[in-house]
């Protein structure tokens, strides 16, 4: 699993040129995984001065680009 996380970090860095990257693990329902035995990983690009993990403002979801564009950029940047 960790080799896939490393590939995801490399793709995010190549596609977005962030100042840094957060990698987070969620295990179990109380941690936000939604399913008791489920584990998933978040890989988040970060820039100096960004809004951290704030994704909603005034009940409006903040998406800086269409999800299809995000998919295209990451697929093109994925190692291998």
C-alpha atoms as a PDB file:
ATOM      1  CA  UNK A   1       0.000   0.000   0.000  1.00  0.00           C
ATOM      2  CA  UNK A   2       2.764   2.451   0.889  1.00  0.00           C
ATOM      3  CA  UNK A   3       4.303   2.215  -2.603  1.00  0.00           C
ATOM      4  CA  UNK A   4       0.953   3.398  -3.990  1.00  0.00           C
ATOM      5  CA  UNK A   5       0.967   6.290  -1.506  1.00  0.00           C
ATOM      6  CA  UNK A   6       4.479   7.243  -2.684  1.00  0.00           C
ATOM      7  CA  UNK A   7       3.249   7.148  -6.301  1.00  0.00           C
ATOM      8  CA  UNK A   8       0.275   9.340  -5.362  1.00  0.00           C
ATOM      9  CA  UNK A   9       2.569  11.884  -3.679  1.00  0.00           C
ATOM     10  CA  UNK A  10       4.843  11.918  -6.744  1.00  0.00           C
ATOM     11  CA  UNK A  11       1.846  12.440  -9.056  1.00  0.00           C
ATOM     12  CA  UNK A  12       0.452  15.280  -6.914  1.00  0.00           C
ATOM     13  CA  UNK A  13       3.875  16.945  -6.822  1.00  0.00           C
ATOM     14  CA  UNK A  14       4.344  16.604 -10.594  1.00  0.00           C
ATOM     15  CA  UNK A  15       0.811  17.719 -11.477  1.00  0.00           C
ATOM     16  CA  UNK A  16       0.442  20.644  -9.062  1.00  0.00           C
ATOM     17  CA  UNK A  17       3.927  21.728  -7.872  1.00  0.00           C
ATOM     18  CA  UNK A  18       2.742  22.311  -4.279  1.00  0.00           C
ATOM     19  CA  UNK A  19       4.942  23.726  -1.515  1.00  0.00           C
ATOM     20  CA  UNK A  20       4.289  20.543   0.488  1.00  0.00           C
ATOM     21  CA  UNK A  21       2.027  17.493   0.754  1.00  0.00           C
ATOM     22  CA  UNK A  22      -0.055  16.147   3.650  1.00  0.00           C
ATOM     23  CA  UNK A  23      -0.540  12.370   3.853  1.00  0.00           C
ATOM     24  CA  UNK A  24      -3.223  11.205   6.285  1.00  0.00           C
ATOM     25  CA  UNK A  25      -4.676   7.823   7.237  1.00  0.00           C
ATOM     26  CA  UNK A  26      -8.247   7.246   8.409  1.00  0.00           C
ATOM     27  CA  UNK A  27      -8.975   3.926  10.168  1.00  0.00           C
ATOM     28  CA  UNK A  28     -12.469   3.118  11.401  1.00  0.00           C
ATOM     29  CA  UNK A  29     -15.781   4.933  11.530  1.00  0.00           C
ATOM     30  CA  UNK A  30     -14.828   7.335  14.349  1.00  0.00           C
ATOM     31  CA  UNK A  31     -11.799   8.516  12.339  1.00  0.00           C
ATOM     32  CA  UNK A  32     -13.937   9.395   9.343  1.00  0.00           C
ATOM     33  CA  UNK A  33     -13.557   6.172   7.388  1.00  0.00           C
ATOM     34  CA  UNK A  34     -17.310   5.502   7.629  1.00  0.00           C
ATOM     35  CA  UNK A  35     -16.863   1.727   7.895  1.00  0.00           C
ATOM     36  CA  UNK A  36     -15.432   0.170  11.100  1.00  0.00           C
ATOM     37  CA  UNK A  37     -12.647  -1.880   9.476  1.00  0.00           C
ATOM     38  CA  UNK A  38     -11.943   0.427   6.526  1.00  0.00           C
ATOM     39  CA  UNK A  39      -8.594   2.190   6.037  1.00  0.00           C
ATOM     40  CA  UNK A  40      -8.000   4.911   3.475  1.00  0.00           C
ATOM     41  CA  UNK A  41      -5.297   7.453   2.740  1.00  0.00           C
ATOM     42  CA  UNK A  42      -5.571  11.128   1.814  1.00  0.00           C
ATOM     43  CA  UNK A  43      -2.820  12.819  -0.209  1.00  0.00           C
ATOM     44  CA  UNK A  44      -3.326  16.590  -0.218  1.00  0.00           C
ATOM     45  CA  UNK A  45      -1.252  19.228  -1.992  1.00  0.00           C
ATOM     46  CA  UNK A  46      -0.484  22.230   0.223  1.00  0.00           C
ATOM     47  CA  UNK A  47       0.674  25.765  -0.524  1.00  0.00           C
ATOM     48  CA  UNK A  48       2.033  28.387   1.842  1.00  0.00           C
ATOM     49  CA  UNK A  49      -0.906  30.513   2.978  1.00  0.00           C
ATOM     50  CA  UNK A  50      -3.631  28.068   1.881  1.00  0.00           C
ATOM     51  CA  UNK A  51      -6.764  27.504   3.974  1.00  0.00           C
ATOM     52  CA  UNK A  52      -5.582  24.164   5.372  1.00  0.00           C
ATOM     53  CA  UNK A  53      -8.436  21.622   5.226  1.00  0.00           C
ATOM     54  CA  UNK A  54     -11.305  24.113   4.937  1.00  0.00           C
ATOM     55  CA  UNK A  55     -13.414  22.822   2.051  1.00  0.00           C
ATOM     56  CA  UNK A  56     -16.728  24.530   2.774  1.00  0.00           C
ATOM     57  CA  UNK A  57     -17.475  28.242   3.131  1.00  0.00           C
ATOM     58  CA  UNK A  58     -21.009  29.531   3.771  1.00  0.00           C
ATOM     59  CA  UNK A  59     -22.470  26.096   2.904  1.00  0.00           C
ATOM     60  CA  UNK A  60     -20.696  26.161  -0.487  1.00  0.00           C
ATOM     61  CA  UNK A  61     -18.209  23.457  -1.470  1.00  0.00           C
ATOM     62  CA  UNK A  62     -14.900  24.868  -2.678  1.00  0.00           C
ATOM     63  CA  UNK A  63     -13.546  23.000  -5.718  1.00  0.00           C
ATOM     64  CA  UNK A  64     -10.807  24.922  -7.550  1.00  0.00           C
ATOM     65  CA  UNK A  65     -11.089  22.780 -10.697  1.00  0.00           C
ATOM     66  CA  UNK A  66     -13.484  20.271 -12.219  1.00  0.00           C
ATOM     67  CA  UNK A  67     -12.937  16.719 -10.946  1.00  0.00           C
ATOM     68  CA  UNK A  68     -12.429  15.482 -14.505  1.00  0.00           C
ATOM     69  CA  UNK A  69      -9.493  17.877 -14.856  1.00  0.00           C
ATOM     70  CA  UNK A  70      -8.019  16.653 -11.568  1.00  0.00           C
ATOM     71  CA  UNK A  71      -8.328  13.058 -12.815  1.00  0.00           C
ATOM     72  CA  UNK A  72      -6.646  13.916 -16.132  1.00  0.00           C
ATOM     73  CA  UNK A  73      -3.737  15.720 -14.467  1.00  0.00           C
ATOM     74  CA  UNK A  74      -3.087  12.936 -11.962  1.00  0.00           C
ATOM     75  CA  UNK A  75      -3.344  10.136 -14.541  1.00  0.00           C
ATOM     76  CA  UNK A  76      -0.843  11.942 -16.774  1.00  0.00           C
ATOM     77  CA  UNK A  77       1.544  12.497 -13.841  1.00  0.00           C
ATOM     78  CA  UNK A  78       1.231   9.014 -12.265  1.00  0.00           C
ATOM     79  CA  UNK A  79       4.630   7.226 -12.192  1.00  0.00           C
ATOM     80  CA  UNK A  80       5.117   4.213 -14.409  1.00  0.00           C
END
